[in-house]
C-alpha atoms as a PDB file:
ATOM      1  CA  UNK A   1     124.119 104.972  72.184  1.00  0.00           C
ATOM      2  CA  UNK A   2     124.915 102.070  69.870  1.00  0.00           C
ATOM      3  CA  UNK A   3     123.429  98.647  70.512  1.00  0.00           C
ATOM      4  CA  UNK A   4     125.345  95.430  69.991  1.00  0.00           C
ATOM      5  CA  UNK A   5     124.305  93.485  66.885  1.00  0.00           C
ATOM      6  CA  UNK A   6     122.462  91.033  69.134  1.00  0.00           C
ATOM      7  CA  UNK A   7     120.401  93.718  70.864  1.00  0.00           C
ATOM      8  CA  UNK A   8     119.885  95.545  67.566  1.00  0.00           C
ATOM      9  CA  UNK A   9     118.328  92.450  66.005  1.00  0.00           C
ATOM     10  CA  UNK A  10     116.042  92.073  69.021  1.00  0.00           C
ATOM     11  CA  UNK A  11     115.145  95.782  68.759  1.00  0.00           C
ATOM     12  CA  UNK A  12     114.310  95.381  65.076  1.00  0.00           C
ATOM     13  CA  UNK A  13     111.729  92.670  65.884  1.00  0.00           C
ATOM     14  CA  UNK A  14     109.717  95.060  68.091  1.00  0.00           C
ATOM     15  CA  UNK A  15     106.648  96.459  66.269  1.00  0.00           C
ATOM     16  CA  UNK A  16     106.221 100.241  66.093  1.00  0.00           C
ATOM     17  CA  UNK A  17     104.289 101.746  69.007  1.00  0.00           C
ATOM     18  CA  UNK A  18     104.676  98.784  71.380  1.00  0.00           C
ATOM     19  CA  UNK A  19     104.264  98.738  75.135  1.00  0.00           C
ATOM     20  CA  UNK A  20     107.437  96.885  76.009  1.00  0.00           C
ATOM     21  CA  UNK A  21     108.696  94.927  78.996  1.00  0.00           C
ATOM     22  CA  UNK A  22     112.375  93.980  78.924  1.00  0.00           C
ATOM     23  CA  UNK A  23     112.992  91.303  81.546  1.00  0.00           C
ATOM     24  CA  UNK A  24     116.544  91.055  82.824  1.00  0.00           C
ATOM     25  CA  UNK A  25     117.181  94.459  81.314  1.00  0.00           C
ATOM     26  CA  UNK A  26     120.687  94.935  82.727  1.00  0.00           C
ATOM     27  CA  UNK A  27     121.611  98.513  81.723  1.00  0.00           C
ATOM     28  CA  UNK A  28     118.188  99.190  80.108  1.00  0.00           C
ATOM     29  CA  UNK A  29     119.919  99.687  76.753  1.00  0.00           C
ATOM     30  CA  UNK A  30     117.111  98.008  74.812  1.00  0.00           C
ATOM     31  CA  UNK A  31     114.207 100.000  76.355  1.00  0.00           C
ATOM     32  CA  UNK A  32     116.060 103.282  75.875  1.00  0.00           C
ATOM     33  CA  UNK A  33     116.801 102.469  72.233  1.00  0.00           C
ATOM     34  CA  UNK A  34     113.207 101.301  71.621  1.00  0.00           C
ATOM     35  CA  UNK A  35     111.736 104.521  73.038  1.00  0.00           C
ATOM     36  CA  UNK A  36     114.148 106.695  71.066  1.00  0.00           C
ATOM     37  CA  UNK A  37     113.395 104.898  67.801  1.00  0.00           C
ATOM     38  CA  UNK A  38     109.634 104.935  68.292  1.00  0.00           C
ATOM     39  CA  UNK A  39     109.486 101.145  68.449  1.00  0.00           C
ATOM     40  CA  UNK A  40     108.043 101.520  71.962  1.00  0.00           C
ATOM     41  CA  UNK A  41     105.756 104.204  73.370  1.00  0.00           C
ATOM     42  CA  UNK A  42     106.362 102.987  76.912  1.00  0.00           C
ATOM     43  CA  UNK A  43     108.683 100.454  78.497  1.00  0.00           C
ATOM     44  CA  UNK A  44     109.334  98.581  81.716  1.00  0.00           C
ATOM     45  CA  UNK A  45     112.889  97.521  82.518  1.00  0.00           C
ATOM     46  CA  UNK A  46     112.828  94.620  84.974  1.00  0.00           C
ATOM     47  CA  UNK A  47     115.841  93.528  87.037  1.00  0.00           C
ATOM     48  CA  UNK A  48     116.071  91.220  90.032  1.00  0.00           C
ATOM     49  CA  UNK A  49     119.604  92.094  91.174  1.00  0.00           C
ATOM     50  CA  UNK A  50     120.473  95.413  92.835  1.00  0.00           C
ATOM     51  CA  UNK A  51     123.572  96.192  90.727  1.00  0.00           C
ATOM     52  CA  UNK A  52     121.895  95.897  87.309  1.00  0.00           C
ATOM     53  CA  UNK A  53     118.755  97.576  88.708  1.00  0.00           C
ATOM     54  CA  UNK A  54     120.828 100.607  89.743  1.00  0.00           C
ATOM     55  CA  UNK A  55     122.620 100.616  86.372  1.00  0.00           C
ATOM     56  CA  UNK A  56     119.287 100.530  84.517  1.00  0.00           C
ATOM     57  CA  UNK A  57     117.877 103.339  86.677  1.00  0.00           C
ATOM     58  CA  UNK A  58     120.940 105.492  85.945  1.00  0.00           C
ATOM     59  CA  UNK A  59     120.742 104.791  82.209  1.00  0.00           C
ATOM     60  CA  UNK A  60     117.085 105.824  82.060  1.00  0.00           C
ATOM     61  CA  UNK A  61     117.751 108.930  84.163  1.00  0.00           C
ATOM     62  CA  UNK A  62     120.747 109.949  82.052  1.00  0.00           C
ATOM     63  CA  UNK A  63     118.618 109.541  78.923  1.00  0.00           C
ATOM     64  CA  UNK A  64     115.881 111.732  80.443  1.00  0.00           C
ATOM     65  CA  UNK A  65     113.259 109.058  79.771  1.00  0.00           C
ATOM     66  CA  UNK A  66     111.833 108.512  83.267  1.00  0.00           C
ATOM     67  CA  UNK A  67     108.350 109.469  82.040  1.00  0.00           C
ATOM     68  CA  UNK A  68     108.343 106.674  79.443  1.00  0.00           C
ATOM     69  CA  UNK A  69     110.516 103.963  81.019  1.00  0.00           C
ATOM     70  CA  UNK A  70     109.813 102.508  84.447  1.00  0.00           C
ATOM     71  CA  UNK A  71     112.630 100.561  86.084  1.00  0.00           C
ATOM     72  CA  UNK A  72     111.291  97.908  88.452  1.00  0.00           C
ATOM     73  CA  UNK A  73     113.064  95.472  90.701  1.00  0.00           C
ATOM     74  CA  UNK A  74     111.569  92.005  90.812  1.00  0.00           C
ATOM     75  CA  UNK A  75     111.908  88.406  89.685  1.00  0.00           C
ATOM     76  CA  UNK A  76     110.912  87.672  86.097  1.00  0.00           C
ATOM     77  CA  UNK A  77     107.385  88.700  85.156  1.00  0.00           C
ATOM     78  CA  UNK A  78     106.643  89.791  88.741  1.00  0.00           C
ATOM     79  CA  UNK A  79     107.502  93.320  87.546  1.00  0.00           C
ATOM     80  CA  UNK A  80     104.440  93.558  85.266  1.00  0.00           C
ATOM     81  CA  UNK A  81     100.691  93.142  85.614  1.00  0.00           C
ATOM     82  CA  UNK A  82      98.443  91.326  83.146  1.00  0.00           C
ATOM     83  CA  UNK A  83      97.474  93.556  80.234  1.00  0.00           C
ATOM     84  CA  UNK A  84     100.158  96.143  80.973  1.00  0.00           C
ATOM     85  CA  UNK A  85     102.392  95.344  77.990  1.00  0.00           C
ATOM     86  CA  UNK A  86     101.994  93.792  74.546  1.00  0.00           C
ATOM     87  CA  UNK A  87     105.639  92.883  73.819  1.00  0.00           C
ATOM     88  CA  UNK A  88     108.062  91.087  76.143  1.00  0.00           C
ATOM     89  CA  UNK A  89     111.782  90.687  75.496  1.00  0.00           C
ATOM     90  CA  UNK A  90     113.999  88.320  77.493  1.00  0.00           C
ATOM     91  CA  UNK A  91     117.623  88.006  76.409  1.00  0.00           C
ATOM     92  CA  UNK A  92     120.923  86.599  77.592  1.00  0.00           C
ATOM     93  CA  UNK A  93     119.699  83.706  79.758  1.00  0.00           C
ATOM     94  CA  UNK A  94     119.481  79.951  79.296  1.00  0.00           C
ATOM     95  CA  UNK A  95     116.461  78.596  77.458  1.00  0.00           C
ATOM     96  CA  UNK A  96     115.377  76.590  80.515  1.00  0.00           C
ATOM     97  CA  UNK A  97     115.463  79.719  82.680  1.00  0.00           C
ATOM     98  CA  UNK A  98     113.488  81.757  80.129  1.00  0.00           C
ATOM     99  CA  UNK A  99     110.915  78.945  79.934  1.00  0.00           C
ATOM    100  CA  UNK A 100     110.636  78.863  83.742  1.00  0.00           C
ATOM    101  CA  UNK A 101     110.182  82.665  83.864  1.00  0.00           C
ATOM    102  CA  UNK A 102     107.355  82.418  81.324  1.00  0.00           C
ATOM    103  CA  UNK A 103     105.838  79.425  83.110  1.00  0.00           C
ATOM    104  CA  UNK A 104     105.881  81.042  86.540  1.00  0.00           C
ATOM    105  CA  UNK A 105     104.429  84.262  85.172  1.00  0.00           C
ATOM    106  CA  UNK A 106     102.034  82.705  82.681  1.00  0.00           C
ATOM    107  CA  UNK A 107      99.071  84.726  83.985  1.00  0.00           C
ATOM    108  CA  UNK A 108     100.988  87.909  83.049  1.00  0.00           C
ATOM    109  CA  UNK A 109     101.059  86.890  79.372  1.00  0.00           C
ATOM    110  CA  UNK A 110      97.406  87.848  78.907  1.00  0.00           C
ATOM    111  CA  UNK A 111      97.271  90.518  76.198  1.00  0.00           C
ATOM    112  CA  UNK A 112     100.896  89.986  75.150  1.00  0.00           C
ATOM    113  CA  UNK A 113     101.114  89.788  71.358  1.00  0.00           C
ATOM    114  CA  UNK A 114     104.810  89.094  70.896  1.00  0.00           C
ATOM    115  CA  UNK A 115     107.622  87.349  72.779  1.00  0.00           C
ATOM    116  CA  UNK A 116     111.140  88.114  71.556  1.00  0.00           C
ATOM    117  CA  UNK A 117     113.492  85.680  73.270  1.00  0.00           C
ATOM    118  CA  UNK A 118     117.249  85.221  73.031  1.00  0.00           C
ATOM    119  CA  UNK A 119     118.412  82.109  74.876  1.00  0.00           C
ATOM    120  CA  UNK A 120     122.150  81.556  75.230  1.00  0.00           C
ATOM    121  CA  UNK A 121     121.695  77.761  75.391  1.00  0.00           C
ATOM    122  CA  UNK A 122     118.768  75.335  75.546  1.00  0.00           C
ATOM    123  CA  UNK A 123     116.885  76.782  72.592  1.00  0.00           C
ATOM    124  CA  UNK A 124     115.014  73.503  72.109  1.00  0.00           C
ATOM    125  CA  UNK A 125     113.732  73.614  75.701  1.00  0.00           C
ATOM    126  CA  UNK A 126     112.286  77.043  75.021  1.00  0.00           C
ATOM    127  CA  UNK A 127     110.704  76.016  71.704  1.00  0.00           C
ATOM    128  CA  UNK A 128     109.099  73.022  73.404  1.00  0.00           C
ATOM    129  CA  UNK A 129     107.638  75.273  76.121  1.00  0.00           C
ATOM    130  CA  UNK A 130     106.225  77.641  73.488  1.00  0.00           C
ATOM    131  CA  UNK A 131     104.708  74.728  71.561  1.00  0.00           C
ATOM    132  CA  UNK A 132     103.141  73.186  74.669  1.00  0.00           C
ATOM    133  CA  UNK A 133     101.639  76.516  75.727  1.00  0.00           C
ATOM    134  CA  UNK A 134     100.160  77.453  72.346  1.00  0.00           C
ATOM    135  CA  UNK A 135     102.698  80.040  71.238  1.00  0.00           C
ATOM    136  CA  UNK A 136     103.822  79.872  67.610  1.00  0.00           C
ATOM    137  CA  UNK A 137     107.362  80.688  66.508  1.00  0.00           C
ATOM    138  CA  UNK A 138     106.969  83.159  63.638  1.00  0.00           C
ATOM    139  CA  UNK A 139     110.605  84.185  63.089  1.00  0.00           C
ATOM    140  CA  UNK A 140     114.131  83.181  64.039  1.00  0.00           C
ATOM    141  CA  UNK A 141     117.502  84.866  63.655  1.00  0.00           C
ATOM    142  CA  UNK A 142     120.971  83.441  64.051  1.00  0.00           C
ATOM    143  CA  UNK A 143     124.044  85.614  64.509  1.00  0.00           C
ATOM    144  CA  UNK A 144     127.633  85.415  65.635  1.00  0.00           C
ATOM    145  CA  UNK A 145     129.081  88.166  67.810  1.00  0.00           C
ATOM    146  CA  UNK A 146     132.347  88.256  69.748  1.00  0.00           C
ATOM    147  CA  UNK A 147     132.948  84.576  69.081  1.00  0.00           C
ATOM    148  CA  UNK A 148     129.531  83.455  70.347  1.00  0.00           C
ATOM    149  CA  UNK A 149     126.511  82.270  68.365  1.00  0.00           C
ATOM    150  CA  UNK A 150     123.069  83.518  69.380  1.00  0.00           C
ATOM    151  CA  UNK A 151     119.524  82.567  68.376  1.00  0.00           C
ATOM    152  CA  UNK A 152     116.613  85.001  68.585  1.00  0.00           C
ATOM    153  CA  UNK A 153     113.172  83.388  68.701  1.00  0.00           C
ATOM    154  CA  UNK A 154     110.060  85.478  68.065  1.00  0.00           C
ATOM    155  CA  UNK A 155     106.672  83.978  68.965  1.00  0.00           C
ATOM    156  CA  UNK A 156     102.994  84.972  68.820  1.00  0.00           C
ATOM    157  CA  UNK A 157      99.921  83.547  70.558  1.00  0.00           C
ATOM    158  CA  UNK A 158      98.331  80.784  68.517  1.00  0.00           C
ATOM    159  CA  UNK A 159      95.070  82.755  68.278  1.00  0.00           C
ATOM    160  CA  UNK A 160      96.705  85.640  66.393  1.00  0.00           C
ATOM    161  CA  UNK A 161      99.505  83.847  64.537  1.00  0.00           C
ATOM    162  CA  UNK A 162      99.386  83.770  60.716  1.00  0.00           C
ATOM    163  CA  UNK A 163     100.735  80.207  60.811  1.00  0.00           C
ATOM    164  CA  UNK A 164      99.964  77.162  62.965  1.00  0.00           C
ATOM    165  CA  UNK A 165     102.338  75.055  65.018  1.00  0.00           C
ATOM    166  CA  UNK A 166     101.366  72.092  62.872  1.00  0.00           C
ATOM    167  CA  UNK A 167     102.704  73.937  59.820  1.00  0.00           C
ATOM    168  CA  UNK A 168     105.830  75.168  61.595  1.00  0.00           C
ATOM    169  CA  UNK A 169     106.864  71.729  62.859  1.00  0.00           C
ATOM    170  CA  UNK A 170     105.519  69.519  60.066  1.00  0.00           C
ATOM    171  CA  UNK A 171     108.117  66.857  59.218  1.00  0.00           C
ATOM    172  CA  UNK A 172     110.056  67.655  56.041  1.00  0.00           C
ATOM    173  CA  UNK A 173     111.735  65.115  53.760  1.00  0.00           C
ATOM    174  CA  UNK A 174     115.280  65.941  52.670  1.00  0.00           C
ATOM    175  CA  UNK A 175     117.294  63.496  50.564  1.00  0.00           C
ATOM    176  CA  UNK A 176     116.754  59.748  50.464  1.00  0.00           C
ATOM    177  CA  UNK A 177     115.470  58.517  53.816  1.00  0.00           C
ATOM    178  CA  UNK A 178     116.611  61.630  55.694  1.00  0.00           C
ATOM    179  CA  UNK A 179     113.758  63.574  57.297  1.00  0.00           C
ATOM    180  CA  UNK A 180     113.578  66.710  59.396  1.00  0.00           C
ATOM    181  CA  UNK A 181     111.341  65.396  62.171  1.00  0.00           C
ATOM    182  CA  UNK A 182     109.459  67.551  64.661  1.00  0.00           C
ATOM    183  CA  UNK A 183     112.127  66.767  67.244  1.00  0.00           C
ATOM    184  CA  UNK A 184     114.942  67.919  64.938  1.00  0.00           C
ATOM    185  CA  UNK A 185     113.033  71.076  63.995  1.00  0.00           C
ATOM    186  CA  UNK A 186     112.557  71.882  67.684  1.00  0.00           C
ATOM    187  CA  UNK A 187     116.288  71.392  68.239  1.00  0.00           C
ATOM    188  CA  UNK A 188     117.651  73.138  65.163  1.00  0.00           C
ATOM    189  CA  UNK A 189     115.023  75.810  64.523  1.00  0.00           C
ATOM    190  CA  UNK A 190     112.216  75.457  61.939  1.00  0.00           C
ATOM    191  CA  UNK A 191     113.219  78.674  60.156  1.00  0.00           C
ATOM    192  CA  UNK A 192     116.965  78.403  60.674  1.00  0.00           C
ATOM    193  CA  UNK A 193     117.154  75.099  58.788  1.00  0.00           C
ATOM    194  CA  UNK A 194     115.690  76.887  55.766  1.00  0.00           C
ATOM    195  CA  UNK A 195     118.583  79.362  55.806  1.00  0.00           C
ATOM    196  CA  UNK A 196     121.529  77.174  56.700  1.00  0.00           C
ATOM    197  CA  UNK A 197     124.338  79.728  56.713  1.00  0.00           C
ATOM    198  CA  UNK A 198     127.993  79.210  57.651  1.00  0.00           C
ATOM    199  CA  UNK A 199     127.076  80.276  61.198  1.00  0.00           C
ATOM    200  CA  UNK A 200     124.341  77.610  61.335  1.00  0.00           C
ATOM    201  CA  UNK A 201     126.779  74.881  60.239  1.00  0.00           C
ATOM    202  CA  UNK A 202     129.413  76.128  62.702  1.00  0.00           C
ATOM    203  CA  UNK A 203     126.886  75.995  65.547  1.00  0.00           C
ATOM    204  CA  UNK A 204     125.804  72.446  64.823  1.00  0.00           C
ATOM    205  CA  UNK A 205     129.278  71.122  64.146  1.00  0.00           C
ATOM    206  CA  UNK A 206     130.207  72.480  67.588  1.00  0.00           C
ATOM    207  CA  UNK A 207     127.092  70.908  69.136  1.00  0.00           C
ATOM    208  CA  UNK A 208     127.993  67.530  67.612  1.00  0.00           C
ATOM    209  CA  UNK A 209     131.458  67.726  69.188  1.00  0.00           C
ATOM    210  CA  UNK A 210     129.849  68.400  72.572  1.00  0.00           C
ATOM    211  CA  UNK A 211     127.493  65.451  72.131  1.00  0.00           C
ATOM    212  CA  UNK A 212     130.416  63.194  71.197  1.00  0.00           C
ATOM    213  CA  UNK A 213     132.120  64.211  74.447  1.00  0.00           C
ATOM    214  CA  UNK A 214     128.925  63.315  76.314  1.00  0.00           C
ATOM    215  CA  UNK A 215     128.934  59.843  74.709  1.00  0.00           C
ATOM    216  CA  UNK A 216     132.583  59.285  75.689  1.00  0.00           C
ATOM    217  CA  UNK A 217     131.841  60.322  79.254  1.00  0.00           C
ATOM    218  CA  UNK A 218     128.741  58.187  79.838  1.00  0.00           C
ATOM    219  CA  UNK A 219     130.184  55.194  77.958  1.00  0.00           C
ATOM    220  CA  UNK A 220     132.613  54.703  80.852  1.00  0.00           C
ATOM    221  CA  UNK A 221     129.729  53.548  83.033  1.00  0.00           C
ATOM    222  CA  UNK A 222     128.607  49.897  83.091  1.00  0.00           C
ATOM    223  CA  UNK A 223     125.023  50.745  84.052  1.00  0.00           C
ATOM    224  CA  UNK A 224     122.290  49.756  81.605  1.00  0.00           C
ATOM    225  CA  UNK A 225     120.777  53.238  81.818  1.00  0.00           C
ATOM    226  CA  UNK A 226     124.118  54.759  80.769  1.00  0.00           C
ATOM    227  CA  UNK A 227     124.418  52.412  77.783  1.00  0.00           C
ATOM    228  CA  UNK A 228     120.863  53.305  76.746  1.00  0.00           C
ATOM    229  CA  UNK A 229     121.633  57.017  77.080  1.00  0.00           C
ATOM    230  CA  UNK A 230     124.836  56.680  75.057  1.00  0.00           C
ATOM    231  CA  UNK A 231     122.933  54.887  72.285  1.00  0.00           C
ATOM    232  CA  UNK A 232     120.284  57.621  72.316  1.00  0.00           C
ATOM    233  CA  UNK A 233     122.871  60.390  71.999  1.00  0.00           C
ATOM    234  CA  UNK A 234     124.734  58.489  69.258  1.00  0.00           C
ATOM    235  CA  UNK A 235     121.458  58.237  67.318  1.00  0.00           C
ATOM    236  CA  UNK A 236     120.951  61.996  67.698  1.00  0.00           C
ATOM    237  CA  UNK A 237     124.503  62.663  66.468  1.00  0.00           C
ATOM    238  CA  UNK A 238     123.871  60.506  63.405  1.00  0.00           C
ATOM    239  CA  UNK A 239     120.587  62.298  62.676  1.00  0.00           C
ATOM    240  CA  UNK A 240     122.222  65.729  63.000  1.00  0.00           C
ATOM    241  CA  UNK A 241     125.078  64.725  60.689  1.00  0.00           C
ATOM    242  CA  UNK A 242     122.620  63.401  58.097  1.00  0.00           C
ATOM    243  CA  UNK A 243     120.636  66.651  58.167  1.00  0.00           C
ATOM    244  CA  UNK A 244     123.775  68.809  57.821  1.00  0.00           C
ATOM    245  CA  UNK A 245     124.914  66.682  54.872  1.00  0.00           C
ATOM    246  CA  UNK A 246     121.606  67.280  53.100  1.00  0.00           C
ATOM    247  CA  UNK A 247     121.062  70.995  53.758  1.00  0.00           C
ATOM    248  CA  UNK A 248     122.253  73.421  51.075  1.00  0.00           C
ATOM    249  CA  UNK A 249     124.493  76.146  52.462  1.00  0.00           C
ATOM    250  CA  UNK A 250     122.979  79.627  52.070  1.00  0.00           C
ATOM    251  CA  UNK A 251     125.205  82.639  51.493  1.00  0.00           C
ATOM    252  CA  UNK A 252     124.654  85.350  54.154  1.00  0.00           C
END
C-alpha cells in the first residue's frame, strides 16, 4: 500500500511508538501505514459517515490489523476518551471545521502530545485556535499534489513545546518598512515564510487573486460597511504583495 505524498508527509511527522487517533480516517490508510511502519503501536480510525466507516473497517480487516487498529464511528473526537492517545491526526477538512472539532472535544486532548493537522483551506483560522488554546506550532510543511496545494501543521502543548508562541509569532522586519506581523505570520505560516518555495509563492499569488475578486464584489455595494471591508481587504492585499516582494525564493 502506497500513501499519497500528502499522507506520507503526515505519516512522517508521527513519532515512533505513538498511540494514534486518525479523525476522519476515510479508508484508514494512514493508521494501517503507521502500524506497519512502527510509527504507531495502536491506532483508532474515526469516521462519522457510514460509507467511509465501512471502507475503513474493510481496510483494517484486509490488512489483518484488527488487534492494533480500532475503527469507531462517531463525530470528531467523540471516538476517543481522554488519555487514550498521544497523537491525533486530522486531514482533508477546512481549517474552521478542524478547529471546531478540537474545540468541541477539547477535554479529549488531555495527554495528547502532538496534533498533526492538514487543513484544505482556512489555515489561519486553525493557527489562531491553536494559539488561543496554548498549542504551539512546531513544524509546517507545504506541498503540491494533483494540482492542489496543502499545508500540514504540527503542534505541541505549550507545556512541552521547545519553543514558545511568543517566539513563533514574534514580528519580523523584512526590507525597509515591511514587517511580518503576527497577523501575517498566522495567515502565511511562521515556518513557511522562512522557506518560501515556488509552491509558497504560487499559493499566495493565487490567494491574492481571490482577494482581489472579493474586493471587486463588495465594492459594488454602497453600504459603509462594504466600503470599510473593501478597504480592509485592499490593505491585506498590499501587505501580502509587499511580503512576497521581500522574501527570497528558496529552491526545493
